Each structure stands twice: as structure tokens, then as C-alpha cells.
C-alpha atoms as a PDB file:
ATOM      1  CA  MET A   1     245.176  -8.516 -55.504  1.00  0.00           C
ATOM      2  CA  ALA A   2     243.063 -10.052 -58.342  1.00  0.00           C
ATOM      3  CA  MET A   3     245.814  -9.163 -60.839  1.00  0.00           C
ATOM      4  CA  ARG A   4     248.486 -10.756 -58.534  1.00  0.00           C
ATOM      5  CA  ARG A   5     246.457 -13.982 -58.149  1.00  0.00           C
ATOM      6  CA  PHE A   6     246.056 -13.954 -61.995  1.00  0.00           C
ATOM      7  CA  LEU A   7     249.825 -13.634 -62.498  1.00  0.00           C
ATOM      8  CA  ARG A   8     250.595 -16.272 -59.959  1.00  0.00           C
ATOM      9  CA  GLY A   9     248.145 -18.571 -61.642  1.00  0.00           C
ATOM     10  CA  ILE A  10     249.898 -17.983 -64.932  1.00  0.00           C
ATOM     11  CA  VAL A  11     253.304 -18.705 -63.517  1.00  0.00           C
ATOM     12  CA  HIS A  12     252.056 -21.865 -61.925  1.00  0.00           C
ATOM     13  CA  GLU A  13     250.469 -22.953 -65.071  1.00  0.00           C
ATOM     14  CA  LEU A  14     253.706 -22.339 -66.987  1.00  0.00           C
ATOM     15  CA  ARG A  15     255.742 -24.128 -64.375  1.00  0.00           C
ATOM     16  CA  SER A  16     253.524 -27.264 -64.458  1.00  0.00           C
ATOM     17  CA  ARG A  17     253.797 -27.262 -68.296  1.00  0.00           C
ATOM     18  CA  ARG A  18     257.618 -26.504 -68.537  1.00  0.00           C
ATOM     19  CA  SER A  19     258.499 -29.919 -69.913  1.00  0.00           C
ATOM     20  CA  LEU A  20     255.972 -29.435 -72.850  1.00  0.00           C
ATOM     21  CA  LEU A  21     256.901 -25.801 -73.463  1.00  0.00           C
ATOM     22  CA  LEU A  22     260.773 -26.560 -73.407  1.00  0.00           C
ATOM     23  CA  ALA A  23     260.095 -29.379 -75.862  1.00  0.00           C
ATOM     24  CA  CYS A  24     258.027 -27.133 -78.146  1.00  0.00           C
ATOM     25  CA  LEU A  25     260.735 -24.456 -77.898  1.00  0.00           C
ATOM     26  CA  SER A  26     263.439 -27.015 -79.009  1.00  0.00           C
ATOM     27  CA  VAL A  27     261.355 -27.958 -82.042  1.00  0.00           C
ATOM     28  CA  VAL A  28     260.679 -24.235 -82.877  1.00  0.00           C
ATOM     29  CA  LEU A  29     264.401 -23.501 -82.693  1.00  0.00           C
ATOM     30  CA  ILE A  30     265.281 -26.448 -85.025  1.00  0.00           C
ATOM     31  CA  VAL A  31     262.758 -25.514 -87.526  1.00  0.00           C
ATOM     32  CA  GLY A  32     263.561 -21.776 -87.374  1.00  0.00           C
ATOM     33  CA  THR A  33     267.217 -22.687 -87.908  1.00  0.00           C
ATOM     34  CA  TRP A  34     266.435 -24.898 -90.775  1.00  0.00           C
ATOM     35  CA  GLN A  35     264.165 -22.151 -92.464  1.00  0.00           C
ATOM     36  CA  ALA A  36     266.827 -19.670 -91.922  1.00  0.00           C
ATOM     37  CA  SER A  37     269.426 -21.851 -93.502  1.00  0.00           C
ATOM     38  CA  ALA A  38     267.155 -22.245 -96.602  1.00  0.00           C
ATOM     39  CA  SER A  39     266.177 -18.654 -96.758  1.00  0.00           C
ATOM     40  CA  TYR A  40     269.653 -17.158 -96.505  1.00  0.00           C
ATOM     41  CA  ARG A  41     271.220 -20.003 -98.453  1.00  0.00           C
ATOM     42  CA  TRP A  42     273.667 -21.032 -95.799  1.00  0.00           C
ATOM     43  CA  VAL A  43     273.366 -24.551 -97.567  1.00  0.00           C
ATOM     44  CA  ASP A  44     272.591 -24.890-101.208  1.00  0.00           C
ATOM     45  CA  PRO A  45     268.710 -25.209-101.401  1.00  0.00           C
ATOM     46  CA  ILE A  46     269.239 -28.049-103.907  1.00  0.00           C
ATOM     47  CA  PHE A  47     270.424 -30.027-101.005  1.00  0.00           C
ATOM     48  CA  LEU A  48     268.447 -28.685 -98.238  1.00  0.00           C
ATOM     49  CA  PRO A  49     264.943 -27.384 -99.167  1.00  0.00           C
ATOM     50  CA  GLY A  50     262.977 -25.379 -96.737  1.00  0.00           C
ATOM     51  CA  PRO A  51     260.473 -26.801 -94.203  1.00  0.00           C
ATOM     52  CA  LEU A  52     257.518 -25.645 -96.306  1.00  0.00           C
ATOM     53  CA  GLU A  53     258.764 -27.515 -99.393  1.00  0.00           C
ATOM     54  CA  VAL A  54     259.309 -30.669 -97.214  1.00  0.00           C
ATOM     55  CA  LEU A  55     255.953 -30.318 -95.688  1.00  0.00           C
ATOM     56  CA  GLY A  56     254.431 -30.177 -99.220  1.00  0.00           C
ATOM     57  CA  ALA A  57     256.282 -33.147-100.198  1.00  0.00           C
ATOM     58  CA  LEU A  58     255.120 -34.997 -97.012  1.00  0.00           C
ATOM     59  CA  LYS A  59     251.576 -34.306 -97.919  1.00  0.00           C
ATOM     60  CA  GLY A  60     252.283 -35.800-101.364  1.00  0.00           C
ATOM     61  CA  ILE A  61     253.672 -38.953 -99.791  1.00  0.00           C
ATOM     62  CA  VAL A  62     250.728 -39.421 -97.377  1.00  0.00           C
ATOM     63  CA  THR A  63     248.103 -38.733 -99.987  1.00  0.00           C
ATOM     64  CA  ASP A  64     249.687 -40.982-102.675  1.00  0.00           C
ATOM     65  CA  PRO A  65     247.500 -44.043-103.414  1.00  0.00           C
ATOM     66  CA  GLY A  66     250.569 -46.433-102.807  1.00  0.00           C
ATOM     67  CA  PHE A  67     251.339 -45.012 -99.379  1.00  0.00           C
ATOM     68  CA  ALA A  68     248.942 -47.287 -97.437  1.00  0.00           C
ATOM     69  CA  SER A  69     250.613 -50.342 -99.051  1.00  0.00           C
ATOM     70  CA  ASP A  70     254.192 -49.057 -98.203  1.00  0.00           C
ATOM     71  CA  LEU A  71     253.038 -48.249 -94.655  1.00  0.00           C
ATOM     72  CA  SER A  72     251.539 -51.754 -94.261  1.00  0.00           C
ATOM     73  CA  VAL A  73     254.731 -53.411 -95.476  1.00  0.00           C
ATOM     74  CA  SER A  74     256.903 -51.493 -92.996  1.00  0.00           C
ATOM     75  CA  ALA A  75     254.348 -52.020 -90.196  1.00  0.00           C
ATOM     76  CA  ASN A  76     254.232 -55.754 -90.907  1.00  0.00           C
ATOM     77  CA  GLU A  77     258.113 -55.989 -90.650  1.00  0.00           C
ATOM     78  CA  PHE A  78     258.215 -53.893 -87.586  1.00  0.00           C
ATOM     79  CA  PHE A  79     255.494 -55.761 -85.677  1.00  0.00           C
ATOM     80  CA  TRP A  80     256.788 -59.230 -86.591  1.00  0.00           C
ATOM     81  CA  GLY A  81     260.390 -58.295 -85.727  1.00  0.00           C
ATOM     82  CA  LEU A  82     259.590 -56.610 -82.514  1.00  0.00           C
ATOM     83  CA  GLY A  83     257.025 -59.325 -81.500  1.00  0.00           C
ATOM     84  CA  LEU A  84     259.579 -62.049 -81.875  1.00  0.00           C
ATOM     85  CA  SER A  85     262.261 -59.925 -80.067  1.00  0.00           C
ATOM     86  CA  VAL A  86     259.734 -59.507 -77.050  1.00  0.00           C
ATOM     87  CA  LEU A  87     258.777 -63.239 -77.001  1.00  0.00           C
ATOM     88  CA  VAL A  88     262.197 -64.861 -77.509  1.00  0.00           C
ATOM     89  CA  GLY A  89     264.214 -62.198 -75.681  1.00  0.00           C
ATOM     90  CA  GLY A  90     261.758 -62.019 -72.754  1.00  0.00           C
ATOM     91  CA  THR A  91     261.739 -65.876 -72.449  1.00  0.00           C
ATOM     92  CA  LEU A  92     265.447 -66.323 -72.670  1.00  0.00           C
ATOM     93  CA  GLY A  93     265.948 -63.233 -70.189  1.00  0.00           C
ATOM     94  CA  ILE A  94     263.790 -65.046 -67.721  1.00  0.00           C
ATOM     95  CA  LEU A  95     265.803 -68.378 -68.127  1.00  0.00           C
ATOM     96  CA  SER A  96     269.069 -66.492 -68.090  1.00  0.00           C
ATOM     97  CA  GLY A  97     268.275 -64.636 -64.920  1.00  0.00           C
ATOM     98  CA  TRP A  98     266.814 -67.696 -63.031  1.00  0.00           C
ATOM     99  CA  TYR A  99     269.294 -70.339 -64.102  1.00  0.00           C
ATOM    100  CA  GLY A 100     273.093 -69.646 -63.887  1.00  0.00           C
ATOM    101  CA  ALA A 101     273.804 -72.462 -66.401  1.00  0.00           C
ATOM    102  CA  VAL A 102     271.608 -70.811 -69.170  1.00  0.00           C
ATOM    103  CA  ASP A 103     273.210 -67.450 -68.440  1.00  0.00           C
ATOM    104  CA  GLU A 104     276.703 -69.014 -68.906  1.00  0.00           C
ATOM    105  CA  PHE A 105     275.515 -70.716 -72.016  1.00  0.00           C
ATOM    106  CA  LEU A 106     274.053 -67.741 -73.619  1.00  0.00           C
ATOM    107  CA  ARG A 107     276.742 -65.214 -72.599  1.00  0.00           C
ATOM    108  CA  PRO A 108     279.090 -65.611 -75.569  1.00  0.00           C
ATOM    109  CA  VAL A 109     276.143 -65.306 -77.929  1.00  0.00           C
ATOM    110  CA  VAL A 110     274.757 -62.223 -76.141  1.00  0.00           C
ATOM    111  CA  THR A 111     278.229 -60.587 -76.132  1.00  0.00           C
ATOM    112  CA  ALA A 112     278.690 -61.266 -79.824  1.00  0.00           C
ATOM    113  CA  LEU A 113     275.301 -59.976 -80.774  1.00  0.00           C
ATOM    114  CA  ASN A 114     275.772 -56.938 -78.624  1.00  0.00           C
ATOM    115  CA  SER A 115     279.114 -56.177 -80.289  1.00  0.00           C
ATOM    116  CA  ILE A 116     278.086 -56.631 -83.936  1.00  0.00           C
ATOM    117  CA  PRO A 117     277.196 -53.565 -85.936  1.00  0.00           C
ATOM    118  CA  HIS A 118     273.844 -54.950 -87.015  1.00  0.00           C
ATOM    119  CA  LEU A 119     273.492 -52.625 -90.061  1.00  0.00           C
ATOM    120  CA  ALA A 120     276.590 -54.255 -91.431  1.00  0.00           C
ATOM    121  CA  LEU A 121     274.608 -57.452 -91.614  1.00  0.00           C
ATOM    122  CA  ILE A 122     271.923 -56.175 -94.015  1.00  0.00           C
ATOM    123  CA  PRO A 123     273.884 -57.099 -97.188  1.00  0.00           C
ATOM    124  CA  LEU A 124     274.455 -60.537 -95.933  1.00  0.00           C
ATOM    125  CA  LEU A 125     270.810 -61.158 -94.900  1.00  0.00           C
ATOM    126  CA  VAL A 126     269.725 -59.750 -98.325  1.00  0.00           C
ATOM    127  CA  LEU A 127     272.094 -62.178-100.112  1.00  0.00           C
ATOM    128  CA  LEU A 128     270.872 -65.150 -97.996  1.00  0.00           C
ATOM    129  CA  PHE A 129     267.110 -64.447 -97.909  1.00  0.00           C
ATOM    130  CA  GLY A 130     266.558 -62.030-100.772  1.00  0.00           C
ATOM    131  CA  ILE A 131     264.721 -58.663-100.527  1.00  0.00           C
ATOM    132  CA  GLY A 132     261.372 -59.900 -99.062  1.00  0.00           C
ATOM    133  CA  VAL A 133     260.084 -59.490 -95.524  1.00  0.00           C
ATOM    134  CA  LEU A 134     262.187 -62.090 -93.687  1.00  0.00           C
ATOM    135  CA  PRO A 135     265.608 -60.245 -93.831  1.00  0.00           C
ATOM    136  CA  LYS A 136     263.828 -57.085 -92.465  1.00  0.00           C
ATOM    137  CA  VAL A 137     262.323 -59.151 -89.532  1.00  0.00           C
ATOM    138  CA  LEU A 138     265.663 -60.812 -88.784  1.00  0.00           C
ATOM    139  CA  LEU A 139     267.419 -57.530 -88.605  1.00  0.00           C
ATOM    140  CA  VAL A 140     264.837 -56.057 -86.168  1.00  0.00           C
ATOM    141  CA  LEU A 141     265.109 -59.344 -84.162  1.00  0.00           C
ATOM    142  CA  LEU A 142     268.954 -59.127 -84.141  1.00  0.00           C
ATOM    143  CA  SER A 143     268.759 -55.409 -83.171  1.00  0.00           C
ATOM    144  CA  CYS A 144     266.262 -55.815 -80.271  1.00  0.00           C
ATOM    145  CA  ILE A 145     266.646 -59.302 -78.759  1.00  0.00           C
ATOM    146  CA  VAL A 146     269.682 -58.614 -76.794  1.00  0.00           C
ATOM    147  CA  VAL A 147     268.006 -55.454 -75.240  1.00  0.00           C
ATOM    148  CA  MET A 148     265.034 -57.546 -74.135  1.00  0.00           C
ATOM    149  CA  LEU A 149     267.039 -60.466 -72.835  1.00  0.00           C
ATOM    150  CA  MET A 150     269.391 -58.250 -70.814  1.00  0.00           C
ATOM    151  CA  ASN A 151     266.685 -56.042 -69.314  1.00  0.00           C
ATOM    152  CA  THR A 152     264.467 -59.070 -68.478  1.00  0.00           C
ATOM    153  CA  ALA A 153     267.456 -61.033 -67.027  1.00  0.00           C
ATOM    154  CA  ALA A 154     268.385 -57.866 -64.923  1.00  0.00           C
ATOM    155  CA  GLY A 155     264.797 -57.727 -63.545  1.00  0.00           C
ATOM    156  CA  VAL A 156     264.885 -61.443 -62.527  1.00  0.00           C
ATOM    157  CA  ARG A 157     268.095 -60.945 -60.646  1.00  0.00           C
ATOM    158  CA  SER A 158     266.603 -57.943 -58.867  1.00  0.00           C
ATOM    159  CA  VAL A 159     263.866 -59.796 -57.255  1.00  0.00           C
ATOM    160  CA  ASP A 160     263.692 -59.471 -53.396  1.00  0.00           C
ATOM    161  CA  THR A 161     265.659 -62.504 -52.002  1.00  0.00           C
ATOM    162  CA  GLN A 162     263.232 -62.379 -48.854  1.00  0.00           C
ATOM    163  CA  LEU A 163     260.270 -62.986 -51.142  1.00  0.00           C
ATOM    164  CA  LEU A 164     262.063 -65.939 -52.764  1.00  0.00           C
ATOM    165  CA  ARG A 165     263.001 -67.552 -49.414  1.00  0.00           C
ATOM    166  CA  MET A 166     259.422 -67.085 -48.181  1.00  0.00           C
ATOM    167  CA  ALA A 167     258.005 -68.675 -51.373  1.00  0.00           C
ATOM    168  CA  LYS A 168     260.444 -71.688 -51.069  1.00  0.00           C
ATOM    169  CA  SER A 169     259.656 -72.128 -47.527  1.00  0.00           C
ATOM    170  CA  PHE A 170     256.049 -72.765 -48.401  1.00  0.00           C
ATOM    171  CA  GLY A 171     257.196 -75.472 -50.785  1.00  0.00           C
ATOM    172  CA  ALA A 172     256.612 -73.501 -54.097  1.00  0.00           C
ATOM    173  CA  SER A 173     258.202 -75.005 -57.171  1.00  0.00           C
ATOM    174  CA  ASP A 174     260.313 -73.037 -59.546  1.00  0.00           C
ATOM    175  CA  ARG A 175     257.523 -72.572 -62.068  1.00  0.00           C
ATOM    176  CA  GLN A 176     255.174 -71.237 -59.215  1.00  0.00           C
ATOM    177  CA  ILE A 177     257.882 -68.816 -57.883  1.00  0.00           C
ATOM    178  CA  VAL A 178     258.625 -67.418 -61.422  1.00  0.00           C
ATOM    179  CA  CYS A 179     254.909 -66.944 -62.045  1.00  0.00           C
ATOM    180  CA  ALA A 180     253.858 -65.536 -58.770  1.00  0.00           C
ATOM    181  CA  VAL A 181     257.019 -63.651 -57.631  1.00  0.00           C
ATOM    182  CA  VAL A 182     259.382 -63.087 -60.375  1.00  0.00           C
ATOM    183  CA  LEU A 183     257.186 -61.959 -63.331  1.00  0.00           C
ATOM    184  CA  PRO A 184     255.549 -59.043 -61.494  1.00  0.00           C
ATOM    185  CA  SER A 185     259.011 -57.839 -60.388  1.00  0.00           C
ATOM    186  CA  VAL A 186     260.338 -58.059 -63.956  1.00  0.00           C
ATOM    187  CA  VAL A 187     257.600 -55.784 -65.447  1.00  0.00           C
ATOM    188  CA  PRO A 188     259.488 -52.547 -65.115  1.00  0.00           C
ATOM    189  CA  PHE A 189     262.572 -53.926 -66.581  1.00  0.00           C
ATOM    190  CA  PHE A 190     260.706 -55.616 -69.362  1.00  0.00           C
ATOM    191  CA  MET A 191     258.814 -52.519 -70.285  1.00  0.00           C
ATOM    192  CA  THR A 192     261.945 -50.304 -70.350  1.00  0.00           C
ATOM    193  CA  GLY A 193     263.497 -52.813 -72.725  1.00  0.00           C
ATOM    194  CA  LEU A 194     260.342 -52.656 -74.833  1.00  0.00           C
ATOM    195  CA  ARG A 195     260.574 -48.868 -74.976  1.00  0.00           C
ATOM    196  CA  ILE A 196     264.176 -48.983 -76.048  1.00  0.00           C
ATOM    197  CA  CYS A 197     263.379 -51.689 -78.671  1.00  0.00           C
ATOM    198  CA  VAL A 198     260.747 -49.648 -80.391  1.00  0.00           C
ATOM    199  CA  GLY A 199     263.129 -47.022 -81.573  1.00  0.00           C
ATOM    200  CA  LYS A 200     265.662 -49.587 -82.616  1.00  0.00           C
ATOM    201  CA  ALA A 201     263.184 -51.609 -84.568  1.00  0.00           C
ATOM    202  CA  VAL A 202     262.026 -48.487 -86.546  1.00  0.00           C
ATOM    203  CA  VAL A 203     265.665 -47.771 -87.446  1.00  0.00           C
ATOM    204  CA  ALA A 204     266.319 -51.389 -88.373  1.00  0.00           C
ATOM    205  CA  VAL A 205     263.165 -51.546 -90.701  1.00  0.00           C
ATOM    206  CA  ALA A 206     264.010 -48.315 -92.333  1.00  0.00           C
ATOM    207  CA  MET A 207     267.729 -49.139 -93.028  1.00  0.00           C
ATOM    208  CA  SER A 208     266.925 -52.662 -94.271  1.00  0.00           C
ATOM    209  CA  GLU A 209     264.462 -51.254 -96.791  1.00  0.00           C
ATOM    210  CA  LEU A 210     267.047 -48.799 -97.957  1.00  0.00           C
ATOM    211  CA  PHE A 211     269.408 -51.684 -98.853  1.00  0.00           C
ATOM    212  CA  GLY A 212     266.903 -54.002-100.671  1.00  0.00           C
ATOM    213  CA  SER A 213     263.074 -53.685-100.839  1.00  0.00           C
ATOM    214  CA  THR A 214     260.397 -53.115-103.317  1.00  0.00           C
ATOM    215  CA  ALA A 215     258.070 -51.477-100.901  1.00  0.00           C
ATOM    216  CA  GLY A 216     258.028 -49.809 -97.513  1.00  0.00           C
ATOM    217  CA  ILE A 217     258.877 -46.343 -96.197  1.00  0.00           C
ATOM    218  CA  GLY A 218     262.592 -46.836 -96.598  1.00  0.00           C
ATOM    219  CA  ASN A 219     261.833 -47.643-100.232  1.00  0.00           C
ATOM    220  CA  ILE A 220     260.074 -44.238-100.651  1.00  0.00           C
ATOM    221  CA  LEU A 221     263.298 -42.687 -99.211  1.00  0.00           C
ATOM    222  CA  ILE A 222     265.705 -44.625-101.510  1.00  0.00           C
ATOM    223  CA  LYS A 223     263.564 -43.863-104.592  1.00  0.00           C
ATOM    224  CA  ALA A 224     263.519 -40.120-103.816  1.00  0.00           C
ATOM    225  CA  GLN A 225     267.344 -40.198-103.319  1.00  0.00           C
ATOM    226  CA  SER A 226     267.811 -41.880-106.766  1.00  0.00           C
ATOM    227  CA  ALA A 227     265.651 -39.316-108.358  1.00  0.00           C
ATOM    228  CA  MET A 228     267.393 -36.550-106.547  1.00  0.00           C
ATOM    229  CA  ASP A 229     264.063 -35.378-105.178  1.00  0.00           C
ATOM    230  CA  MET A 230     265.394 -33.851-102.027  1.00  0.00           C
ATOM    231  CA  SER A 231     262.088 -32.456-100.758  1.00  0.00           C
ATOM    232  CA  ARG A 232     260.588 -35.950-100.951  1.00  0.00           C
ATOM    233  CA  MET A 233     263.699 -37.546 -99.327  1.00  0.00           C
ATOM    234  CA  TYR A 234     263.654 -35.189 -96.392  1.00  0.00           C
ATOM    235  CA  ALA A 235     259.860 -35.724 -96.140  1.00  0.00           C
ATOM    236  CA  ALA A 236     260.449 -39.458 -95.847  1.00  0.00           C
ATOM    237  CA  VAL A 237     263.035 -38.894 -93.051  1.00  0.00           C
ATOM    238  CA  VAL A 238     260.564 -36.688 -91.219  1.00  0.00           C
ATOM    239  CA  LEU A 239     257.817 -39.218 -91.679  1.00  0.00           C
ATOM    240  CA  LEU A 240     260.162 -41.985 -90.166  1.00  0.00           C
ATOM    241  CA  THR A 241     261.034 -39.635 -87.279  1.00  0.00           C
ATOM    242  CA  VAL A 242     257.353 -38.797 -86.435  1.00  0.00           C
ATOM    243  CA  ILE A 243     256.439 -42.593 -86.562  1.00  0.00           C
ATOM    244  CA  GLY A 244     259.340 -43.470 -84.335  1.00  0.00           C
ATOM    245  CA  ILE A 245     258.534 -40.661 -81.790  1.00  0.00           C
ATOM    246  CA  ALA A 246     254.884 -41.617 -81.681  1.00  0.00           C
ATOM    247  CA  LEU A 247     255.650 -45.392 -81.132  1.00  0.00           C
ATOM    248  CA  THR A 248     258.264 -44.518 -78.469  1.00  0.00           C
ATOM    249  CA  GLN A 249     255.807 -42.246 -76.530  1.00  0.00           C
ATOM    250  CA  LEU A 250     253.155 -44.980 -76.883  1.00  0.00           C
ATOM    251  CA  ALA A 251     255.661 -47.412 -75.410  1.00  0.00           C
ATOM    252  CA  ALA A 252     256.518 -44.992 -72.644  1.00  0.00           C
ATOM    253  CA  ALA A 253     252.926 -44.502 -71.757  1.00  0.00           C
ATOM    254  CA  LEU A 254     252.377 -48.164 -71.617  1.00  0.00           C
ATOM    255  CA  GLU A 255     255.481 -48.389 -69.419  1.00  0.00           C
ATOM    256  CA  ALA A 256     254.083 -45.798 -67.143  1.00  0.00           C
ATOM    257  CA  ALA A 257     250.713 -47.524 -66.799  1.00  0.00           C
ATOM    258  CA  MET A 258     252.354 -50.810 -66.060  1.00  0.00           C
ATOM    259  CA  GLN A 259     254.425 -49.118 -63.360  1.00  0.00           C
ATOM    260  CA  GLN A 260     251.200 -47.732 -61.750  1.00  0.00           C
ATOM    261  CA  TRP A 261     249.582 -51.223 -62.054  1.00  0.00           C
ATOM    262  CA  LYS A 262     252.557 -52.754 -60.311  1.00  0.00           C
ATOM    263  CA  ALA A 263     252.532 -50.234 -57.531  1.00  0.00           C
END
């Protein structure tokens, strides 16, 4: 009986941690396939170094004296771009969702921005604004603002009409209704938009640094490519991936916390 209870306990624990176990299994399979490809030379090792070589190169990047400066540059571009996207996109989303005239006015611009391949704008932004921080921030803004605007506007339109009628019946102004009724209802949509934008912002920063920069994590990648240092190049890709995953998970945790607060 004790053994049966013990086995049941293990099965229950495995089921409760299924999501984590499956995620770990997928990573193990990817890394294992990668290692097998390098070991059995399915791909020329010159172009695909093994995981251990990439891990060593990653250690070299992180311990490099200039890494803190590169990380600071990329972080500055990321947070400025994302912050502006959240501020401008969220504000326009509320106005667009609340006022039909604003929605109709912005619709052509939103449709155009949503249709343009933003990465194709990088050379133009570099030509107009140089290779400093500004073109990177603008690319993040262009990549994220539409997502924030559309998600926030959808949240405004989803507000319970009975609550709106009740607030208006008490003589509340538009400003009071937006602050007391609309904003709390928009939170889940806003946080979902933020979570999506985090990944898009990381991609935008990295890609803009590839096209024109003197510092940043993307600059590490392009320098490694120019020197044909494949291990360092793959290490920079892994580093960007880890940063993107960490920031996305942080945004997801914040989203979950806000959902609980709203509930």
C-alpha cells in the first residue's frame, strides 16, 4: 500500500509539472539533434559548430569587458522604443476605441503600418537618421505601436455596455467613465499587447543593429559574421533568444498578475 501511494504521488507530481517537463524535453531534443548534427557531420562543422563550442563562445561574449556597454546600448534602444510604443499606442488605442471619428481618422495609417514589412524600413531609417540610437527606437516604435493600439482599442470596445449606461445615468463625464470603467476593462487587452510587443521589440533592436550600429548585441553578431567566427555568431543568436524568452516570460507573469488583480 505504501509503495502504491508513493507511485501515485510520483504520477501526480509528474502530471502537475507536465508543462515544464514537456518544455524541457523539447529543448533537450533540439540540443541533442544539434549535437548529433555536429558530431556526425550532417552539416559542415565550419558552418554549424557544436553546442559546447557555442557555449564557450557565449561565455567569452558575456565575460568580455565591452559586453556591459553593448548590453546597455541595446537595452536603452529596447526600453525607449517599447516605452514610447506603450505610451503612444495605448493612448491612441483608448481614443480610437472610444471615439469613432478618431478610429476612422487613424484607420488608413494603422492599416498601412500593419502592412509594411518593418525590417525593409531599416536602410531608410539609417539613411535619414544615421546609425545612432534614434533609428533603432523608431523601428521598435513602428513594429509595436500598431499592436498596442489595436489591442487597447479592442479592450475599449469590449467594455460592458450596461456599465457604461449606468455611469452615464449618474451623470459621469467621458473622462470619468474612461478612468473608472474603461481603463480597468482594458487591462487584460493592454497586457496581452505588451507581451506580444516585447518579442517584437527584441527582434527590431537586433535587426536594426545588424544594418547599422557601432555597439549593441546585434553589432556583436554582425562582427562575428564578418570575421567568420561561427561559434561567436551562434552564441550571439542564443544570447538574443534567451533575452527575448526571459523578457517575454516576465511580461507574461506581469500579465497574469494584472489579471488576478482585475479579478
